[in-house]
């Protein structure tokens, strides 16, 4: 985990790779819960028997499940101190180059593409890449935008946060 003491330190790290998260297993239960939450019950995600003879040889996670895990991955990778708050500002260039088979392990890596001031706070752009263990291509590549608002009175690293 990388801890930046403040926004200036984050800005100075532009271009750096932040490393990788721990591997985590994607379970059928997790996929089913995501299907329920999003009302996306396509058989390639939830019908274990039918999916065995499908194009992927088994069920796969929703692409948007990989995307929904990005805030959790970011929290595992880094923190920024001296903030009032960090908020999700959106995404750029989202792609799902390969599937995430249920039961596989995934992790994410991140690179700081840009950090710049705006009238509302400091905007960071990170390229996050979700990898499937043993796969040649990533499962998800996205640029995540976070808007950070500095704390007025508490610049201590103990108040560190990432955008969630």
N, C-alpha and C. Protein backbone atom coordinates (compact mmCIF):
# COMPACT_ATOMS: atom_id res chain seq x y z
N UNK A 1 0.85 -1.18 0.00
CA UNK A 1 0.00 0.00 0.00
C UNK A 1 0.89 1.23 0.00
N UNK A 2 0.57 2.12 -0.90
CA UNK A 2 1.30 3.39 -0.98
C UNK A 2 0.49 4.45 -0.26
N UNK A 3 1.13 5.18 0.63
CA UNK A 3 0.45 6.27 1.34
C UNK A 3 1.10 7.58 0.93
N UNK A 4 0.29 8.44 0.34
CA UNK A 4 0.73 9.79 -0.02
C UNK A 4 0.33 10.71 1.11
N UNK A 5 1.26 11.52 1.61
CA UNK A 5 0.92 12.37 2.77
C UNK A 5 -0.06 13.47 2.40
N UNK A 6 -0.06 13.88 1.12
CA UNK A 6 -0.97 14.94 0.69
C UNK A 6 -1.09 14.92 -0.83
N UNK A 7 -1.87 15.86 -1.34
CA UNK A 7 -2.11 15.93 -2.78
C UNK A 7 -0.86 16.31 -3.57
N UNK A 8 0.01 17.12 -2.98
CA UNK A 8 1.26 17.49 -3.65
C UNK A 8 2.12 16.25 -3.89
N UNK A 9 2.16 15.37 -2.90
CA UNK A 9 2.93 14.14 -3.04
C UNK A 9 2.32 13.23 -4.11
N UNK A 10 0.99 13.18 -4.16
CA UNK A 10 0.31 12.40 -5.21
C UNK A 10 0.66 12.97 -6.58
N UNK A 11 0.61 14.29 -6.72
CA UNK A 11 0.91 14.93 -8.00
C UNK A 11 2.34 14.65 -8.44
N UNK A 12 3.26 14.63 -7.49
CA UNK A 12 4.67 14.36 -7.79
C UNK A 12 4.88 12.92 -8.28
N UNK A 13 3.93 12.05 -8.01
CA UNK A 13 4.04 10.64 -8.40
C UNK A 13 3.45 10.36 -9.78
N UNK A 14 3.06 11.40 -10.49
CA UNK A 14 2.50 11.21 -11.84
C UNK A 14 3.43 10.34 -12.67
N UNK A 15 2.85 9.35 -13.34
CA UNK A 15 3.63 8.43 -14.17
C UNK A 15 4.06 7.17 -13.45
N UNK A 16 3.91 7.13 -12.14
CA UNK A 16 4.33 5.96 -11.37
C UNK A 16 3.28 4.85 -11.41
N UNK A 17 3.78 3.63 -11.36
CA UNK A 17 2.91 2.47 -11.19
C UNK A 17 2.81 2.19 -9.70
N UNK A 18 1.60 1.96 -9.21
CA UNK A 18 1.37 1.79 -7.77
C UNK A 18 1.45 0.34 -7.31
N UNK A 19 1.78 -0.57 -8.21
CA UNK A 19 1.88 -1.97 -7.83
C UNK A 19 0.56 -2.69 -8.05
N UNK A 20 0.42 -3.82 -7.35
CA UNK A 20 -0.72 -4.71 -7.55
C UNK A 20 -1.40 -5.05 -6.23
N UNK A 21 -2.68 -5.32 -6.32
CA UNK A 21 -3.44 -5.78 -5.16
C UNK A 21 -3.13 -7.26 -4.92
N UNK A 22 -3.66 -7.77 -3.83
CA UNK A 22 -3.62 -9.21 -3.60
C UNK A 22 -4.59 -9.88 -4.58
N UNK A 23 -4.35 -11.14 -4.87
CA UNK A 23 -5.28 -11.91 -5.70
C UNK A 23 -6.55 -12.17 -4.90
N UNK A 24 -7.70 -12.17 -5.57
CA UNK A 24 -8.96 -12.55 -4.94
C UNK A 24 -9.75 -13.43 -5.90
N UNK A 25 -10.45 -14.38 -5.33
CA UNK A 25 -11.23 -15.33 -6.13
C UNK A 25 -12.63 -14.78 -6.39
N UNK A 26 -13.07 -14.91 -7.63
CA UNK A 26 -14.43 -14.51 -8.01
C UNK A 26 -15.31 -15.75 -7.90
N UNK A 27 -16.29 -15.70 -7.00
CA UNK A 27 -17.15 -16.86 -6.74
C UNK A 27 -18.47 -16.77 -7.50
N UNK A 28 -19.12 -17.92 -7.67
CA UNK A 28 -20.44 -17.93 -8.30
C UNK A 28 -21.44 -17.17 -7.44
N UNK A 29 -21.31 -17.27 -6.12
CA UNK A 29 -22.21 -16.52 -5.24
C UNK A 29 -22.07 -15.01 -5.47
N UNK A 30 -20.85 -14.54 -5.61
CA UNK A 30 -20.61 -13.12 -5.87
C UNK A 30 -21.24 -12.71 -7.21
N UNK A 31 -21.07 -13.53 -8.23
CA UNK A 31 -21.66 -13.25 -9.55
C UNK A 31 -23.18 -13.25 -9.46
N UNK A 32 -23.75 -14.21 -8.74
CA UNK A 32 -25.21 -14.27 -8.58
C UNK A 32 -25.73 -13.03 -7.85
N UNK A 33 -25.03 -12.60 -6.82
CA UNK A 33 -25.45 -11.40 -6.09
C UNK A 33 -25.38 -10.16 -6.98
N UNK A 34 -24.35 -10.09 -7.81
CA UNK A 34 -24.24 -8.96 -8.74
C UNK A 34 -25.37 -9.02 -9.76
N UNK A 35 -25.69 -10.21 -10.23
CA UNK A 35 -26.81 -10.38 -11.17
C UNK A 35 -28.12 -9.90 -10.54
N UNK A 36 -28.33 -10.25 -9.27
CA UNK A 36 -29.54 -9.81 -8.57
C UNK A 36 -29.56 -8.29 -8.40
N UNK A 37 -28.41 -7.72 -8.05
CA UNK A 37 -28.35 -6.27 -7.81
C UNK A 37 -28.56 -5.47 -9.09
N UNK A 38 -28.15 -6.02 -10.23
CA UNK A 38 -28.21 -5.28 -11.50
C UNK A 38 -29.31 -5.78 -12.43
N UNK A 39 -30.01 -6.83 -12.01
CA UNK A 39 -31.07 -7.45 -12.82
C UNK A 39 -30.53 -7.93 -14.17
N UNK A 40 -29.29 -8.44 -14.15
CA UNK A 40 -28.66 -8.99 -15.35
C UNK A 40 -28.41 -10.47 -15.10
N UNK A 41 -29.38 -11.30 -15.47
CA UNK A 41 -29.32 -12.74 -15.21
C UNK A 41 -29.02 -13.54 -16.47
N UNK A 42 -28.20 -12.99 -17.35
CA UNK A 42 -27.85 -13.71 -18.58
C UNK A 42 -27.22 -15.05 -18.20
N UNK A 43 -27.56 -16.08 -18.95
CA UNK A 43 -27.16 -17.45 -18.61
C UNK A 43 -25.65 -17.63 -18.54
N UNK A 44 -24.87 -16.87 -19.30
CA UNK A 44 -23.42 -17.03 -19.23
C UNK A 44 -22.86 -16.66 -17.87
N UNK A 45 -23.66 -15.96 -17.07
CA UNK A 45 -23.24 -15.56 -15.73
C UNK A 45 -23.81 -16.45 -14.64
N UNK A 46 -25.06 -16.90 -14.79
CA UNK A 46 -25.75 -17.53 -13.66
C UNK A 46 -26.20 -18.98 -13.87
N UNK A 47 -26.23 -19.47 -15.10
CA UNK A 47 -26.68 -20.85 -15.35
C UNK A 47 -25.46 -21.75 -15.51
N UNK A 48 -25.03 -22.34 -14.39
CA UNK A 48 -23.80 -23.12 -14.35
C UNK A 48 -23.84 -24.28 -15.34
N UNK A 49 -24.95 -25.00 -15.40
CA UNK A 49 -25.06 -26.17 -16.29
C UNK A 49 -25.03 -25.76 -17.76
N UNK A 50 -25.84 -24.81 -18.14
CA UNK A 50 -25.88 -24.36 -19.53
C UNK A 50 -24.54 -23.75 -19.96
N UNK A 51 -23.91 -23.02 -19.05
CA UNK A 51 -22.65 -22.34 -19.38
C UNK A 51 -21.51 -23.33 -19.64
N UNK A 52 -21.62 -24.55 -19.09
CA UNK A 52 -20.57 -25.55 -19.34
C UNK A 52 -20.41 -25.84 -20.82
N UNK A 53 -21.51 -25.79 -21.57
CA UNK A 53 -21.44 -26.05 -23.01
C UNK A 53 -21.45 -24.75 -23.82
N UNK A 54 -21.29 -23.63 -23.14
CA UNK A 54 -21.28 -22.33 -23.80
C UNK A 54 -19.90 -21.95 -24.30
N UNK A 55 -19.75 -20.75 -24.80
CA UNK A 55 -18.50 -20.32 -25.42
C UNK A 55 -17.31 -20.19 -24.47
N UNK A 56 -17.57 -20.11 -23.16
CA UNK A 56 -16.48 -19.92 -22.21
C UNK A 56 -16.19 -21.16 -21.37
N UNK A 57 -16.98 -22.23 -21.56
CA UNK A 57 -16.76 -23.47 -20.83
C UNK A 57 -17.21 -23.43 -19.39
N UNK A 58 -17.90 -22.40 -19.02
CA UNK A 58 -18.41 -22.23 -17.66
C UNK A 58 -18.93 -20.81 -17.50
N UNK A 59 -19.44 -20.52 -16.32
CA UNK A 59 -19.96 -19.17 -16.09
C UNK A 59 -18.80 -18.17 -15.99
N UNK A 60 -19.13 -16.95 -16.35
CA UNK A 60 -18.15 -15.86 -16.27
C UNK A 60 -18.77 -14.70 -15.49
N UNK A 61 -17.91 -13.90 -14.90
CA UNK A 61 -18.37 -12.71 -14.19
C UNK A 61 -18.81 -11.66 -15.20
N UNK A 62 -19.73 -10.82 -14.78
CA UNK A 62 -20.13 -9.68 -15.59
C UNK A 62 -18.92 -8.75 -15.75
N UNK A 63 -18.78 -8.15 -16.92
CA UNK A 63 -17.72 -7.15 -17.08
C UNK A 63 -17.87 -6.03 -16.08
N UNK A 64 -19.13 -5.65 -15.84
CA UNK A 64 -19.37 -4.56 -14.90
C UNK A 64 -19.07 -4.94 -13.45
N UNK A 65 -19.01 -6.23 -13.14
CA UNK A 65 -18.57 -6.64 -11.81
C UNK A 65 -17.09 -6.30 -11.64
N UNK A 66 -16.29 -6.58 -12.66
CA UNK A 66 -14.87 -6.20 -12.60
C UNK A 66 -14.74 -4.69 -12.40
N UNK A 67 -15.55 -3.95 -13.11
CA UNK A 67 -15.53 -2.49 -13.00
C UNK A 67 -15.96 -2.04 -11.61
N UNK A 68 -16.98 -2.69 -11.06
CA UNK A 68 -17.49 -2.31 -9.74
C UNK A 68 -16.47 -2.58 -8.63
N UNK A 69 -15.52 -3.45 -8.88
CA UNK A 69 -14.49 -3.75 -7.88
C UNK A 69 -13.36 -2.72 -7.86
N UNK A 70 -13.32 -1.82 -8.84
CA UNK A 70 -12.21 -0.86 -8.91
C UNK A 70 -12.05 -0.03 -7.64
N UNK A 71 -13.12 0.52 -7.04
CA UNK A 71 -12.91 1.28 -5.80
C UNK A 71 -12.26 0.45 -4.69
N UNK A 72 -12.66 -0.80 -4.58
CA UNK A 72 -12.06 -1.67 -3.57
C UNK A 72 -10.58 -1.91 -3.87
N UNK A 73 -10.26 -2.14 -5.13
CA UNK A 73 -8.86 -2.31 -5.52
C UNK A 73 -8.06 -1.04 -5.22
N UNK A 74 -8.63 0.12 -5.52
CA UNK A 74 -7.92 1.38 -5.27
C UNK A 74 -7.64 1.56 -3.78
N UNK A 75 -8.60 1.20 -2.94
CA UNK A 75 -8.41 1.31 -1.49
C UNK A 75 -7.27 0.42 -1.02
N UNK A 76 -7.10 -0.71 -1.68
CA UNK A 76 -6.01 -1.63 -1.32
C UNK A 76 -4.65 -1.11 -1.81
N UNK A 77 -4.64 -0.34 -2.87
CA UNK A 77 -3.39 0.10 -3.48
C UNK A 77 -2.79 1.37 -2.87
N UNK A 78 -3.65 2.33 -2.47
CA UNK A 78 -3.08 3.60 -2.02
C UNK A 78 -4.07 4.38 -1.15
N UNK A 79 -3.50 5.36 -0.44
CA UNK A 79 -4.27 6.32 0.36
C UNK A 79 -3.64 7.70 0.15
N UNK A 80 -4.46 8.73 0.28
CA UNK A 80 -3.98 10.10 0.20
C UNK A 80 -4.37 10.80 1.50
N UNK A 81 -3.41 11.38 2.18
CA UNK A 81 -3.68 12.09 3.43
C UNK A 81 -4.09 13.53 3.18
N UNK A 82 -4.61 14.15 4.23
CA UNK A 82 -4.96 15.56 4.17
C UNK A 82 -6.19 15.88 3.37
N UNK A 83 -7.13 14.94 3.31
CA UNK A 83 -8.33 15.14 2.50
C UNK A 83 -9.58 15.31 3.35
N UNK A 84 -10.47 16.16 2.88
CA UNK A 84 -11.82 16.20 3.43
C UNK A 84 -12.59 15.02 2.87
N UNK A 85 -12.41 14.77 1.55
CA UNK A 85 -13.06 13.63 0.92
C UNK A 85 -12.46 13.39 -0.45
N UNK A 86 -12.67 12.17 -0.91
CA UNK A 86 -12.34 11.79 -2.28
C UNK A 86 -13.58 11.15 -2.87
N UNK A 87 -13.95 11.57 -4.08
CA UNK A 87 -15.16 11.02 -4.68
C UNK A 87 -14.87 10.49 -6.08
N UNK A 88 -15.66 9.49 -6.47
CA UNK A 88 -15.60 8.93 -7.80
C UNK A 88 -16.12 9.98 -8.77
N UNK A 89 -15.30 10.35 -9.76
CA UNK A 89 -15.68 11.39 -10.70
C UNK A 89 -16.06 10.81 -12.07
N UNK A 90 -15.79 9.53 -12.26
CA UNK A 90 -16.17 8.89 -13.52
C UNK A 90 -15.09 8.01 -14.07
N UNK A 91 -15.29 7.61 -15.32
CA UNK A 91 -14.38 6.69 -16.00
C UNK A 91 -14.15 7.14 -17.43
N UNK A 92 -12.98 6.79 -17.95
CA UNK A 92 -12.65 6.97 -19.36
C UNK A 92 -12.19 5.64 -19.91
N UNK A 93 -12.38 5.44 -21.20
CA UNK A 93 -11.76 4.33 -21.94
C UNK A 93 -11.89 2.98 -21.25
N UNK A 94 -13.08 2.56 -20.95
CA UNK A 94 -13.30 1.26 -20.31
C UNK A 94 -13.36 0.17 -21.38
N UNK A 95 -12.60 -0.91 -21.16
CA UNK A 95 -12.61 -2.06 -22.07
C UNK A 95 -12.59 -3.34 -21.25
N UNK A 96 -13.17 -4.41 -21.84
CA UNK A 96 -13.17 -5.74 -21.23
C UNK A 96 -12.56 -6.72 -22.22
N UNK A 97 -11.22 -6.76 -22.34
CA UNK A 97 -10.56 -7.58 -23.36
C UNK A 97 -10.74 -9.09 -23.22
N UNK A 98 -10.94 -9.58 -22.00
CA UNK A 98 -11.14 -11.03 -21.84
C UNK A 98 -12.05 -11.30 -20.65
N UNK A 99 -12.69 -12.47 -20.64
CA UNK A 99 -13.64 -12.79 -19.57
C UNK A 99 -12.95 -13.17 -18.26
N UNK A 100 -13.74 -13.11 -17.18
CA UNK A 100 -13.31 -13.57 -15.86
C UNK A 100 -14.10 -14.84 -15.55
N UNK A 101 -13.50 -16.02 -15.73
CA UNK A 101 -14.22 -17.25 -15.40
C UNK A 101 -14.50 -17.32 -13.90
N UNK A 102 -15.69 -17.77 -13.55
CA UNK A 102 -16.02 -17.95 -12.13
C UNK A 102 -15.03 -18.96 -11.55
N UNK A 103 -14.54 -18.65 -10.36
CA UNK A 103 -13.55 -19.49 -9.70
C UNK A 103 -12.12 -19.04 -9.96
N UNK A 104 -11.93 -18.12 -10.90
CA UNK A 104 -10.58 -17.63 -11.18
C UNK A 104 -10.19 -16.56 -10.17
N UNK A 105 -8.90 -16.26 -10.16
CA UNK A 105 -8.39 -15.23 -9.26
C UNK A 105 -8.04 -14.00 -10.09
N UNK A 106 -8.39 -12.83 -9.53
CA UNK A 106 -8.09 -11.56 -10.19
C UNK A 106 -7.33 -10.65 -9.24
N UNK A 107 -6.65 -9.69 -9.83
CA UNK A 107 -5.99 -8.62 -9.08
C UNK A 107 -5.97 -7.40 -9.98
N UNK A 108 -5.61 -6.27 -9.40
CA UNK A 108 -5.53 -5.04 -10.19
C UNK A 108 -4.21 -4.33 -9.94
N UNK A 109 -3.76 -3.67 -10.97
CA UNK A 109 -2.62 -2.78 -10.89
C UNK A 109 -3.07 -1.39 -11.31
N UNK A 110 -2.32 -0.37 -10.89
CA UNK A 110 -2.72 1.00 -11.22
C UNK A 110 -1.50 1.85 -11.54
N UNK A 111 -1.71 2.75 -12.49
CA UNK A 111 -0.69 3.73 -12.87
C UNK A 111 -1.32 5.11 -12.79
N UNK A 112 -0.58 6.06 -12.21
CA UNK A 112 -1.06 7.44 -12.11
C UNK A 112 -0.79 8.13 -13.45
N UNK A 113 -1.85 8.44 -14.19
CA UNK A 113 -1.70 9.09 -15.49
C UNK A 113 -1.62 10.60 -15.37
N UNK A 114 -2.42 11.17 -14.46
CA UNK A 114 -2.43 12.63 -14.34
C UNK A 114 -3.01 13.02 -12.98
N UNK A 115 -2.56 14.15 -12.48
CA UNK A 115 -3.11 14.77 -11.27
C UNK A 115 -3.09 16.27 -11.54
N UNK A 116 -4.27 16.89 -11.51
CA UNK A 116 -4.33 18.32 -11.83
C UNK A 116 -5.38 19.02 -11.00
N UNK A 117 -5.13 20.30 -10.75
CA UNK A 117 -6.06 21.12 -10.01
C UNK A 117 -7.27 21.50 -10.85
N UNK A 118 -8.42 21.60 -10.20
CA UNK A 118 -9.65 22.07 -10.83
C UNK A 118 -10.31 23.04 -9.85
N UNK A 119 -11.32 23.79 -10.27
CA UNK A 119 -12.02 24.66 -9.33
C UNK A 119 -12.69 23.91 -8.18
N UNK A 120 -12.98 22.62 -8.39
CA UNK A 120 -13.67 21.83 -7.36
C UNK A 120 -12.73 21.05 -6.46
N UNK A 121 -11.46 20.95 -6.82
CA UNK A 121 -10.51 20.15 -6.06
C UNK A 121 -9.42 19.64 -6.98
N UNK A 122 -8.80 18.54 -6.61
CA UNK A 122 -7.73 17.95 -7.41
C UNK A 122 -8.26 16.69 -8.08
N UNK A 123 -8.09 16.61 -9.39
CA UNK A 123 -8.57 15.48 -10.18
C UNK A 123 -7.40 14.56 -10.49
N UNK A 124 -7.56 13.28 -10.15
CA UNK A 124 -6.54 12.30 -10.52
C UNK A 124 -7.13 11.36 -11.56
N UNK A 125 -6.27 10.91 -12.46
CA UNK A 125 -6.66 9.92 -13.46
C UNK A 125 -5.69 8.75 -13.32
N UNK A 126 -6.24 7.59 -13.01
CA UNK A 126 -5.45 6.38 -12.87
C UNK A 126 -5.88 5.37 -13.92
N UNK A 127 -4.91 4.67 -14.51
CA UNK A 127 -5.25 3.54 -15.38
C UNK A 127 -5.19 2.29 -14.51
N UNK A 128 -6.35 1.65 -14.37
CA UNK A 128 -6.43 0.41 -13.62
C UNK A 128 -6.57 -0.76 -14.58
N UNK A 129 -5.82 -1.80 -14.32
CA UNK A 129 -5.85 -3.00 -15.15
C UNK A 129 -6.17 -4.18 -14.26
N UNK A 130 -7.30 -4.84 -14.54
CA UNK A 130 -7.70 -6.03 -13.79
C UNK A 130 -7.19 -7.25 -14.56
N UNK A 131 -6.38 -8.05 -13.90
CA UNK A 131 -5.79 -9.24 -14.51
C UNK A 131 -6.46 -10.49 -13.97
N UNK A 132 -6.53 -11.51 -14.82
CA UNK A 132 -6.98 -12.84 -14.42
C UNK A 132 -5.72 -13.70 -14.33
N UNK A 133 -5.54 -14.37 -13.22
CA UNK A 133 -4.35 -15.19 -13.04
C UNK A 133 -4.22 -16.20 -14.18
N UNK A 134 -3.07 -16.19 -14.84
CA UNK A 134 -2.80 -17.13 -15.93
C UNK A 134 -3.30 -16.70 -17.30
N UNK A 135 -4.05 -15.62 -17.38
CA UNK A 135 -4.58 -15.16 -18.67
C UNK A 135 -3.56 -14.26 -19.37
N UNK A 136 -3.58 -14.29 -20.70
CA UNK A 136 -2.65 -13.46 -21.47
C UNK A 136 -3.12 -12.01 -21.59
N UNK A 137 -4.44 -11.82 -21.58
CA UNK A 137 -4.98 -10.47 -21.73
C UNK A 137 -5.73 -10.07 -20.46
N UNK A 138 -5.77 -8.77 -20.16
CA UNK A 138 -6.50 -8.33 -18.96
C UNK A 138 -8.00 -8.50 -19.12
N UNK A 139 -8.69 -8.54 -17.99
CA UNK A 139 -10.15 -8.64 -17.99
C UNK A 139 -10.80 -7.28 -18.13
N UNK A 140 -10.15 -6.26 -17.57
CA UNK A 140 -10.71 -4.91 -17.60
C UNK A 140 -9.57 -3.91 -17.58
N UNK A 141 -9.69 -2.90 -18.42
CA UNK A 141 -8.76 -1.77 -18.41
C UNK A 141 -9.62 -0.52 -18.41
N UNK A 142 -9.39 0.36 -17.45
CA UNK A 142 -10.20 1.57 -17.34
C UNK A 142 -9.38 2.71 -16.75
N UNK A 143 -9.70 3.90 -17.17
CA UNK A 143 -9.15 5.09 -16.54
C UNK A 143 -10.18 5.57 -15.52
N UNK A 144 -9.78 5.60 -14.27
CA UNK A 144 -10.66 6.01 -13.18
C UNK A 144 -10.32 7.43 -12.77
N UNK A 145 -11.34 8.27 -12.70
CA UNK A 145 -11.17 9.66 -12.30
C UNK A 145 -11.67 9.84 -10.87
N UNK A 146 -10.86 10.45 -10.04
CA UNK A 146 -11.23 10.74 -8.66
C UNK A 146 -11.02 12.22 -8.40
N UNK A 147 -11.97 12.81 -7.70
CA UNK A 147 -11.87 14.22 -7.32
C UNK A 147 -11.59 14.28 -5.83
N UNK A 148 -10.49 14.92 -5.46
CA UNK A 148 -10.08 15.03 -4.07
C UNK A 148 -10.27 16.46 -3.57
N UNK A 149 -10.88 16.58 -2.40
CA UNK A 149 -11.07 17.88 -1.76
C UNK A 149 -10.19 17.91 -0.52
N UNK A 150 -9.23 18.85 -0.44
CA UNK A 150 -8.34 18.87 0.71
C UNK A 150 -9.06 19.26 1.99
N UNK A 151 -8.59 18.72 3.10
CA UNK A 151 -9.13 19.08 4.41
C UNK A 151 -8.66 20.49 4.75
N UNK A 152 -9.52 21.23 5.41
CA UNK A 152 -9.14 22.58 5.80
C UNK A 152 -8.25 22.58 7.03
N UNK A 153 -8.47 21.58 7.90
CA UNK A 153 -7.80 21.64 9.20
C UNK A 153 -7.12 20.35 9.63
N UNK A 154 -7.14 19.28 8.82
CA UNK A 154 -6.55 18.03 9.27
C UNK A 154 -5.71 17.40 8.17
N UNK A 155 -4.47 17.87 8.00
CA UNK A 155 -3.62 17.33 6.95
C UNK A 155 -2.85 16.07 7.37
N UNK A 156 -3.21 15.46 8.49
CA UNK A 156 -2.45 14.32 8.99
C UNK A 156 -2.67 13.07 8.15
N UNK A 157 -1.62 12.23 8.01
CA UNK A 157 -1.76 10.97 7.26
C UNK A 157 -2.82 10.04 7.86
N UNK A 158 -3.15 10.22 9.14
CA UNK A 158 -4.17 9.38 9.76
C UNK A 158 -5.54 9.61 9.14
N UNK A 159 -5.74 10.76 8.50
CA UNK A 159 -7.02 11.04 7.85
C UNK A 159 -7.00 10.57 6.39
N UNK A 160 -6.01 9.75 6.05
CA UNK A 160 -5.84 9.30 4.67
C UNK A 160 -7.06 8.55 4.17
N UNK A 161 -7.31 8.73 2.88
CA UNK A 161 -8.43 8.05 2.23
C UNK A 161 -8.13 7.87 0.76
N UNK A 162 -8.86 6.99 0.12
CA UNK A 162 -8.85 6.92 -1.34
C UNK A 162 -10.27 7.21 -1.76
N UNK A 163 -10.50 7.35 -3.05
CA UNK A 163 -11.88 7.63 -3.49
C UNK A 163 -12.67 6.34 -3.44
N UNK A 164 -13.80 6.39 -2.79
CA UNK A 164 -14.64 5.20 -2.66
C UNK A 164 -16.04 5.52 -3.09
